Protein backbone atom coordinates (compact mmCIF):
# COMPACT_ATOMS: atom_id res chain seq x y z
CA MET A 1 64.52 30.88 77.09
CA THR A 2 67.15 31.25 79.70
CA VAL A 3 68.88 28.51 81.22
CA LEU A 4 68.00 30.41 84.15
CA GLU A 5 64.35 30.26 82.87
CA SER A 6 65.03 26.80 82.02
CA GLU A 7 66.07 25.73 85.21
CA ILE A 8 63.11 27.53 87.19
CA LEU A 9 60.24 25.95 85.31
CA ARG A 10 62.47 22.95 85.14
CA ARG A 11 62.39 22.90 89.34
CA ILE A 12 58.55 23.40 89.62
CA ASN A 13 57.42 20.73 87.07
CA ASN A 14 59.47 17.99 89.46
CA VAL A 15 57.59 19.63 92.59
CA GLN A 16 54.64 19.11 90.64
CA GLN A 17 54.94 16.15 89.70
CA LYS A 18 55.81 14.81 93.15
CA MET A 19 51.99 17.18 94.07
CA ALA A 20 50.54 14.45 92.12
CA ALA A 21 51.80 11.19 92.67
CA ALA A 22 50.66 12.61 96.21
CA ALA A 23 47.13 13.79 95.14
CA LEU A 24 47.57 17.33 96.01
CA ASP A 25 45.50 19.75 94.44
CA ALA A 26 48.29 22.41 96.35
CA TYR A 27 51.60 22.51 98.04
CA VAL A 28 52.78 25.59 100.20
CA ILE A 29 56.91 26.78 100.32
CA THR A 30 57.64 29.08 102.82
CA ASP A 31 61.23 28.59 103.19
CA ALA A 32 63.25 31.81 101.96
CA GLU A 33 66.01 29.06 100.51
CA ASP A 34 63.22 26.85 98.99
CA ILE A 35 61.29 30.15 97.72
CA TRP A 36 64.71 31.32 95.87
CA TYR A 37 65.54 28.60 94.84
CA LEU A 38 61.95 28.24 92.76
CA THR A 39 61.33 31.53 92.07
CA ASN A 40 64.98 33.12 91.81
CA ILE A 41 63.66 35.93 94.84
CA ASN A 42 65.94 36.76 97.35
CA TYR A 43 64.31 38.30 100.05
CA SER A 44 64.80 38.19 104.21
CA PRO A 45 61.46 37.21 105.71
CA GLU A 46 62.12 38.35 109.51
CA GLN A 47 58.31 38.27 111.01
CA ARG A 48 56.33 38.09 108.47
CA PRO A 49 55.55 34.82 106.54
CA PHE A 50 56.22 34.83 103.26
CA PHE A 51 54.22 31.92 100.85
CA PHE A 52 55.13 30.40 97.50
CA ILE A 53 51.94 28.27 96.64
CA LEU A 54 52.01 25.88 93.39
CA PHE A 55 48.71 24.29 92.07
CA GLN A 56 47.73 21.43 89.98
CA ASN A 57 46.18 23.08 86.97
CA ARG A 58 46.87 27.06 87.46
CA LYS A 59 48.80 29.59 87.72
CA PRO A 60 51.11 29.58 91.31
CA LEU A 61 50.46 32.31 93.97
CA PHE A 62 52.63 34.34 96.35
CA ILE A 63 51.04 35.29 99.99
CA VAL A 64 53.09 38.44 101.36
CA PRO A 65 53.21 41.21 103.24
CA LYS A 66 52.25 44.42 101.74
CA LEU A 67 55.75 45.17 102.52
CA GLU A 68 57.20 42.74 100.14
CA GLU A 69 54.90 42.80 97.27
CA ALA A 70 56.75 45.24 94.74
CA HIS A 71 59.45 42.87 95.41
CA VAL A 72 57.67 39.88 93.81
CA GLU A 73 58.52 40.21 90.51
CA VAL A 74 59.59 37.14 88.41
CA PRO A 75 59.48 36.89 85.01
CA TYR A 76 59.97 33.25 84.40
CA PHE A 77 56.22 32.29 84.18
CA GLU A 78 52.52 34.06 85.08
CA TYR A 79 51.22 33.77 88.64
CA GLU A 80 48.95 35.56 90.92
CA ILE A 81 49.69 37.62 94.02
CA GLU A 82 48.06 39.03 97.15
CA PRO A 83 49.00 40.38 99.99
CA TYR A 84 47.99 40.64 103.55
CA PHE A 85 48.51 43.89 105.62
CA ASP A 86 50.81 42.99 108.83
CA VAL A 87 51.80 40.22 111.15
CA THR A 88 49.09 41.78 113.40
CA ALA A 89 46.70 42.96 111.07
CA ARG A 90 42.69 44.07 111.16
CA ALA A 91 40.59 40.47 111.23
CA GLY A 92 40.82 38.90 107.54
CA GLU A 93 43.48 40.85 106.49
CA ASN A 94 46.34 38.69 108.39
CA TRP A 95 48.00 36.41 106.89
CA PHE A 96 46.52 33.09 107.99
CA GLU A 97 43.39 34.47 106.83
CA VAL A 98 44.11 34.83 103.41
CA LEU A 99 45.47 31.63 103.52
CA ALA A 100 43.07 29.93 104.27
CA LYS A 101 40.84 31.76 101.67
CA ARG A 102 42.45 31.20 99.18
CA LEU A 103 42.67 27.39 99.88
CA ALA A 104 39.17 26.88 101.18
CA ASN A 105 38.63 24.90 98.17
CA GLU A 106 41.21 22.93 97.90
CA LYS A 107 40.87 19.46 99.12
CA GLN A 108 44.54 17.44 100.00
CA VAL A 109 47.01 20.52 100.98
CA GLY A 110 50.62 19.84 101.29
CA ILE A 111 53.14 21.92 102.55
CA GLU A 112 56.97 21.65 102.54
CA ASP A 113 57.92 20.22 105.89
CA ASN A 114 60.58 22.88 106.82
CA ALA A 115 58.05 25.26 107.53
CA GLN A 116 58.13 26.99 110.83
CA LEU A 117 55.78 26.13 114.03
CA PHE A 118 53.67 29.55 113.99
CA ILE A 119 52.92 28.15 110.85
CA THR A 120 52.18 24.94 111.05
CA GLN A 121 49.86 25.60 114.36
CA GLN A 122 47.48 27.81 112.23
CA VAL A 123 47.00 25.14 109.30
CA ALA A 124 47.56 21.71 110.65
CA ALA A 125 43.90 20.60 109.41
CA PRO A 126 42.53 17.14 107.86
CA LYS A 127 43.37 17.96 104.23
CA TRP A 128 47.04 19.33 104.69
CA SER A 129 49.88 17.05 105.12
CA ALA A 130 53.53 17.85 105.83
CA LYS A 131 55.75 16.92 102.71
CA SER A 132 58.93 16.80 101.44
CA PHE A 133 59.39 17.60 97.82
CA VAL A 134 61.66 20.87 97.40
CA LYS A 135 63.72 19.35 99.74
CA GLN A 136 64.06 15.65 97.55
CA THR A 137 64.16 18.24 94.08
CA ARG A 138 67.30 19.88 95.70
CA GLU A 139 69.13 16.84 96.54
CA ILE A 140 70.24 16.18 92.92
CA LYS A 141 71.91 19.09 91.10
CA SER A 142 71.36 19.93 87.55
CA GLU A 143 74.63 20.76 85.32
CA TYR A 144 73.61 24.73 85.93
CA GLU A 145 73.70 24.11 89.56
CA LEU A 146 77.07 22.08 89.68
CA GLU A 147 79.05 24.59 87.42
CA LYS A 148 77.98 27.24 90.04
CA ILE A 149 79.20 24.72 92.80
CA LYS A 150 82.28 24.22 91.03
CA VAL A 151 83.03 27.94 90.53
CA THR A 152 82.62 28.25 94.65
CA ALA A 153 84.70 25.07 95.09
CA GLN A 154 87.56 26.90 93.23
CA LEU A 155 87.56 30.21 95.19
CA CYS A 156 86.92 28.35 98.54
CA SER A 157 89.87 25.86 97.93
CA ASP A 158 91.73 28.92 96.53
CA VAL A 159 91.52 31.06 99.74
CA LEU A 160 92.47 27.69 101.96
CA ASN A 161 95.83 27.31 100.57
CA LYS A 162 96.99 30.86 100.61
CA THR A 163 95.45 30.55 104.63
CA LEU A 164 98.47 27.12 104.73
CA GLN A 165 100.55 29.38 102.87
CA ILE A 166 101.19 32.36 105.24
CA ALA A 167 100.15 29.99 108.62
CA LYS A 168 102.49 29.94 111.39
CA THR A 169 103.19 29.55 114.74
CA GLY A 170 101.71 33.01 116.13
CA THR A 171 99.80 33.70 113.14
CA THR A 172 96.72 35.52 114.49
CA ILE A 173 93.18 33.93 113.42
CA ALA A 174 92.04 37.42 112.78
CA GLU A 175 94.81 37.70 110.05
CA VAL A 176 93.26 34.68 109.02
CA TYR A 177 90.06 35.20 108.74
CA MET A 178 90.60 38.59 106.57
CA LEU A 179 91.78 36.27 103.49
CA PRO A 180 88.43 35.75 102.49
CA TYR A 181 87.56 39.22 102.60
CA GLN A 182 90.26 40.57 100.22
CA LEU A 183 89.05 38.12 98.01
CA LYS A 184 84.89 39.91 98.53
CA GLY A 185 86.12 43.00 96.24
CA ALA A 186 86.63 40.68 92.93
CA VAL A 187 84.02 38.31 93.93
CA ILE A 188 81.31 40.89 93.76
CA LYS A 189 83.03 42.40 90.30
CA GLN A 190 82.36 39.14 89.30
CA ASN A 191 78.29 39.89 89.13
CA PHE A 192 77.72 37.31 92.48
CA SER A 193 74.30 38.31 94.40
CA ILE A 194 73.48 39.48 97.80
CA THR A 195 73.31 35.88 98.66
CA ASN A 196 77.14 35.21 99.35
CA ARG A 197 78.91 34.47 101.89
CA ILE A 198 82.53 34.34 103.01
CA THR A 199 84.18 32.74 105.64
CA ASN A 200 88.25 31.39 106.17
CA CYS A 201 89.23 30.65 109.40
CA VAL A 202 91.69 28.45 112.15
CA TRP A 203 90.52 26.59 114.76
CA ASN A 204 93.78 26.15 116.78
CA ALA A 205 94.32 23.40 119.42
CA ASP A 206 92.03 24.88 122.01
CA TYR A 207 89.01 24.93 119.82
CA SER A 208 89.84 22.16 117.01
CA PHE A 209 88.26 19.69 119.26
CA MET A 210 85.27 21.36 119.50
CA PRO A 211 83.98 21.78 115.95
CA HIS A 212 81.27 24.67 116.43
CA SER A 213 83.40 26.65 118.71
CA ILE A 214 84.15 30.65 117.89
CA PRO A 215 87.84 31.07 117.98
CA ALA A 216 88.73 34.57 120.08
CA MET A 217 90.32 36.60 117.31
CA ASP A 218 93.19 37.54 118.66
CA SER A 219 94.43 33.78 119.60
CA VAL A 220 97.35 32.74 117.22
CA ILE A 221 97.96 29.49 115.67
CA LYS A 222 99.58 26.81 117.71
CA ALA A 223 101.70 23.60 117.06
CA GLY A 224 98.19 21.87 115.92
CA PRO A 225 96.10 20.43 115.37
CA ASN A 226 94.74 23.47 113.82
CA ILE A 227 91.87 23.14 111.47
CA ASP A 228 91.49 25.48 108.85
CA ILE A 229 87.56 25.91 107.78
CA SER A 230 87.08 27.56 104.57
CA ILE A 231 82.98 27.56 103.94
CA PHE A 232 81.65 29.58 100.63
CA LYS A 233 78.44 30.40 99.42
CA LEU A 234 78.36 32.67 96.04
CA ALA A 235 75.86 33.17 94.08
CA GLY A 236 73.37 31.32 96.11
CA TYR A 237 75.94 27.93 95.56
CA ALA A 238 77.89 26.42 98.84
CA ALA A 239 80.63 24.80 99.47
CA GLU A 240 83.29 23.75 101.80
CA CYS A 241 87.31 22.81 101.97
CA GLU A 242 88.64 22.15 104.94
CA ARG A 243 92.27 20.67 106.42
CA THR A 244 93.94 19.78 109.63
CA PHE A 245 97.72 21.09 109.66
CA PHE A 246 100.66 21.15 112.10
CA THR A 247 103.11 24.31 112.24
CA GLU A 248 105.57 21.94 113.66
CA GLU A 249 106.60 18.27 113.95
CA PRO A 250 103.23 16.47 115.55
CA SER A 251 104.26 14.11 117.95
CA ALA A 252 103.83 10.42 117.60
CA GLN A 253 100.29 10.04 118.94
CA GLU A 254 99.20 13.20 117.16
CA LYS A 255 100.48 11.29 113.84
CA GLU A 256 98.55 8.81 114.79
CA HIS A 257 95.13 10.49 115.50
CA PHE A 258 95.55 12.33 111.78
CA GLU A 259 96.24 8.64 110.03
CA GLN A 260 93.07 6.84 112.26
CA MET A 261 90.98 9.89 110.66
CA MET A 262 92.58 9.60 106.73
CA ALA A 263 91.57 5.96 107.62
CA ALA A 264 87.85 6.42 107.71
CA ARG A 265 87.93 9.10 104.66
CA LYS A 266 89.12 6.67 102.74
CA VAL A 267 86.67 4.44 103.31
CA MET A 268 84.44 6.69 102.97
CA LEU A 269 85.68 7.81 99.56
CA GLN A 270 85.22 3.95 98.43
CA MET A 271 81.95 4.18 99.82
CA LEU A 272 80.66 7.28 97.31
CA ARG A 273 78.86 6.16 94.62
CA PRO A 274 75.32 5.93 93.27
CA GLY A 275 73.45 2.55 95.00
CA VAL A 276 74.94 3.06 98.49
CA LYS A 277 72.73 4.35 101.24
CA ALA A 278 73.75 6.85 103.58
CA ALA A 279 73.68 5.00 106.61
CA ALA A 280 75.81 2.34 105.22
CA ILE A 281 78.73 5.29 104.84
CA GLU A 282 78.26 6.43 108.66
CA GLU A 283 78.53 2.44 109.34
CA ALA A 284 81.68 1.82 107.43
CA VAL A 285 83.43 4.96 108.63
CA LEU A 286 82.87 4.35 112.53
CA ASN A 287 83.47 0.22 111.87
CA SER A 288 86.81 1.56 110.62
CA LEU A 289 87.36 3.71 113.66
CA LYS A 290 86.10 1.07 116.23
CA ALA A 291 89.10 -1.15 114.75
CA ASP A 292 91.09 1.80 115.41
CA GLY A 293 89.95 2.45 118.97
CA VAL A 294 88.58 6.09 118.87
CA ALA A 295 84.93 5.77 117.81
CA GLU A 296 83.71 7.25 121.64
CA ARG A 297 85.83 10.34 119.66
CA VAL A 298 83.18 10.43 116.79
CA LEU A 299 80.84 13.95 117.59
CA HIS A 300 79.03 14.42 113.95
CA ARG A 301 78.09 12.41 111.08
CA PRO A 302 80.92 11.99 108.03
CA GLY A 303 78.98 14.10 105.92
CA HIS A 304 75.86 15.91 104.54
CA GLY A 305 74.87 17.40 101.28
CA ILE A 306 75.56 20.26 99.82
CA GLY A 307 73.88 22.74 97.44
CA LEU A 308 72.20 26.20 97.87
CA ASN A 309 73.01 25.47 102.00
CA ASN A 310 76.37 24.24 103.54
CA HIS A 311 74.06 21.40 105.16
CA GLU A 312 71.36 20.39 103.11
CA GLU A 313 69.86 16.54 102.12
CA PRO A 314 71.19 13.67 102.32
CA THR A 315 72.38 13.68 105.74
CA LEU A 316 75.25 10.81 105.46
CA SER A 317 74.44 9.11 108.84
CA LEU A 318 73.13 5.96 110.69
CA GLY A 319 69.12 5.64 110.37
CA ASN A 320 69.10 7.40 106.24
CA GLU A 321 68.22 4.85 103.97
CA THR A 322 67.99 7.52 101.15
CA GLU A 323 70.39 6.03 98.16
CA LEU A 324 73.40 8.25 96.53
CA LYS A 325 72.52 9.01 93.19
CA GLU A 326 74.28 10.80 90.23
CA ASN A 327 74.92 14.26 90.64
CA MET A 328 74.04 14.72 94.37
CA VAL A 329 77.05 16.51 96.17
CA VAL A 330 78.64 15.86 99.29
CA SER A 331 80.90 16.49 101.92
CA VAL A 332 83.78 14.13 103.11
CA GLU A 333 84.37 15.04 106.52
CA PRO A 334 84.82 12.40 108.79
CA GLY A 335 86.30 13.40 112.32
CA ILE A 336 88.18 12.80 115.76
CA TYR A 337 88.05 15.26 118.60
CA PHE A 338 90.34 14.90 121.72
CA ASP A 339 89.29 16.97 124.53
CA GLY A 340 91.71 20.02 125.67
CA GLN A 341 93.95 18.29 122.88
CA GLY A 342 92.44 18.74 119.56
CA GLY A 343 90.72 17.91 116.37
CA TYR A 344 91.31 15.92 113.25
CA ARG A 345 89.03 16.85 110.36
CA HIS A 346 89.40 17.17 106.68
CA SER A 347 86.50 17.79 104.82
CA ASP A 348 85.98 17.89 100.81
CA THR A 349 83.11 19.03 98.66
CA VAL A 350 82.54 16.04 96.57
CA ARG A 351 80.32 15.57 93.46
CA ILE A 352 78.71 11.72 93.11
CA THR A 353 79.57 10.75 89.27
CA LYS A 354 78.09 7.50 87.64
CA ASP A 355 79.99 5.07 89.14
CA GLY A 356 82.37 6.82 92.03
CA TYR A 357 83.11 10.43 92.49
CA GLU A 358 84.81 13.50 91.54
CA PHE A 359 86.23 16.21 93.88
CA TYR A 360 85.58 19.79 93.58
CA THR A 361 87.76 21.34 96.30
CA GLN A 362 91.01 20.67 96.09
CA ALA A 363 94.08 21.14 98.55
CA PRO A 364 96.45 19.05 100.26
CA THR A 365 95.93 16.13 102.39
CA GLU A 366 98.79 13.90 103.73
CA LEU A 367 100.36 14.73 106.76
CA LYS A 368 104.59 15.24 105.19
CA ASP A 369 102.45 18.10 103.25
CA LEU A 370 100.66 19.63 106.10
CA ILE A 371 103.60 20.32 108.27
CA LEU A 372 104.15 23.70 107.90
CA LYS A 373 107.69 24.77 108.88
């Protein structure tokens, strides 16, 4: 048995155990990322839904568009496959009738709670219930997954550190953006899969106070605060590394804001260990920023899970009573933002260990190392 085969079977068994505990006869998974996680099939669903269904006492079932039937080839376990013709197929051949027929004899059916609305509208019946079994399974990473994330994190860090080496006042955003594309050829040669995504860009002060803005490619790095964001996904696994930096001596106020961000980051890192609730982490970060008088400058949670996606569970935010567990992987990214002046945020990819945490990304953090003259 290969390492990947063992990994796939472990994941499926984990979901089936959750099904048994909830007395579910069948469990429907529709999200492309979740299906990749459980089968190693990578596809783009577009208009046509793709279903992977687990049962307690029989083979898994794929219900897929006829267009995708030949694509379904899973060597890790036995399965059934039933195609449907198209989204608007003839009566009896569309996906919801095929799905209803194949699940007609199941008493209790679960569906992963990230299914799209047009799917859940067709299956909303008393015997159906929304669950998050795959999401829960994905929260804690295996050794196989941790090794994948480590590789991604290393390359992510490398590109960010190269950015810091070339960054100066007047460097174009386009020049920075092209750095990972120079790397991409080497990455492909290492046999990473089609699931790769490589992004590196600098948000200068015109953009860095708006975390999800899109910098213009013809804009340039300015004095600061600039934020470099390096977000990678290689062979299906993600990591991120971000740094706030300056290319000229920052003002006294800018130095103060940088240190306020760093103080919140330190508080957050001290909280990272098994047993701590996600909500308590954001509460501690906000208390630090309140003490410094800048809590109103917070625009987002201080961290989130990382795995197949750059943003997944657990979300480290108020209202989430999930406890951290060993081998969760999370981002550490408290940030504060000042309209028209700029933003301050570092981000690292971090594994929760038995008694604390381990950095997977590596880059300078102190202000003295991030004034790039």
